[in-house]
């Protein structure tokens, strides 16, 4: 299961260009392990960590995951995590 609080924190930092390299790596690993990005996308990030298009796409994907989480909480408030 994905850690939504960690995802939000890292997503905000990546989006605001305040994330360290380690935080960017953690963000991409979190998305990869969740199955939110493919092996190809993850490898592309690893091969060129300066590729802003890969991180931008990851921020969008993370935002969609967080939106789904929030909607899920609103629809089913008794569900935890």
Protein backbone atom coordinates (compact mmCIF):
# COMPACT_ATOMS: atom_id res chain seq x y z
CA UNK A 1 0.00 0.00 0.00
CA UNK A 2 1.24 3.46 -0.85
CA UNK A 3 2.06 5.99 1.88
CA UNK A 4 -0.16 8.89 0.78
CA UNK A 5 1.27 11.35 3.28
CA UNK A 6 4.81 10.67 2.08
CA UNK A 7 3.61 10.84 -1.53
CA UNK A 8 2.02 14.25 -0.92
CA UNK A 9 5.09 15.62 0.84
CA UNK A 10 7.48 14.43 -1.85
CA UNK A 11 5.14 15.48 -4.66
CA UNK A 12 4.98 19.02 -3.27
CA UNK A 13 8.76 19.23 -3.02
CA UNK A 14 9.33 17.89 -6.53
CA UNK A 15 6.66 20.21 -7.95
CA UNK A 16 8.20 23.25 -6.19
CA UNK A 17 11.77 22.31 -7.20
CA UNK A 18 12.82 22.07 -3.55
CA UNK A 19 13.35 18.30 -3.46
CA UNK A 20 16.83 16.94 -2.93
CA UNK A 21 18.14 14.22 -5.24
CA UNK A 22 17.38 11.66 -2.53
CA UNK A 23 13.80 12.93 -2.20
CA UNK A 24 13.33 12.77 -5.98
CA UNK A 25 14.67 9.23 -5.94
CA UNK A 26 12.31 8.31 -3.07
CA UNK A 27 9.38 9.81 -4.97
CA UNK A 28 10.13 7.86 -8.12
CA UNK A 29 10.71 4.63 -6.16
CA UNK A 30 7.39 5.14 -4.37
CA UNK A 31 5.56 5.53 -7.68
CA UNK A 32 7.41 2.60 -9.25
CA UNK A 33 6.79 0.20 -6.37
CA UNK A 34 3.12 1.18 -6.40
CA UNK A 35 2.91 0.30 -10.08
CA UNK A 36 2.05 3.88 -10.96
CA UNK A 37 4.96 4.25 -13.36
CA UNK A 38 6.42 1.60 -15.63
CA UNK A 39 9.86 0.05 -15.57
CA UNK A 40 10.65 2.07 -18.71
CA UNK A 41 9.66 5.34 -17.04
CA UNK A 42 11.66 4.49 -13.94
CA UNK A 43 14.70 3.49 -15.99
CA UNK A 44 14.44 6.71 -17.99
CA UNK A 45 14.52 8.66 -14.73
CA UNK A 46 17.53 6.69 -13.48
CA UNK A 47 19.42 7.21 -16.73
CA UNK A 48 18.81 10.97 -16.85
CA UNK A 49 17.84 12.43 -13.50
CA UNK A 50 17.91 15.90 -15.05
CA UNK A 51 15.08 15.02 -17.46
CA UNK A 52 12.40 17.39 -16.24
CA UNK A 53 9.78 15.81 -18.51
CA UNK A 54 10.03 12.51 -16.62
CA UNK A 55 9.64 14.23 -13.25
CA UNK A 56 6.82 16.41 -14.56
CA UNK A 57 4.96 13.31 -15.71
CA UNK A 58 5.59 11.68 -12.34
CA UNK A 59 4.17 14.72 -10.52
CA UNK A 60 1.04 14.48 -12.66
CA UNK A 61 0.73 10.76 -11.92
CA UNK A 62 1.24 11.39 -8.21
CA UNK A 63 -1.43 14.08 -8.29
CA UNK A 64 -3.90 11.68 -9.87
CA UNK A 65 -3.15 9.06 -7.21
CA UNK A 66 -3.68 11.62 -4.45
CA UNK A 67 -6.91 12.86 -6.03
CA UNK A 68 -8.19 9.29 -6.18
CA UNK A 69 -7.27 8.82 -2.54
CA UNK A 70 -9.12 11.98 -1.50
CA UNK A 71 -12.21 11.07 -3.53
CA UNK A 72 -12.14 7.60 -2.02
CA UNK A 73 -12.05 9.09 1.47
CA UNK A 74 -14.97 11.38 0.66
CA UNK A 75 -17.08 8.54 -0.76
CA UNK A 76 -16.22 6.09 1.98
CA UNK A 77 -15.22 8.06 5.10
CA UNK A 78 -15.22 5.00 7.32
CA UNK A 79 -12.35 3.49 5.31
CA UNK A 80 -8.98 3.96 6.94
CA UNK A 81 -5.86 4.52 4.77
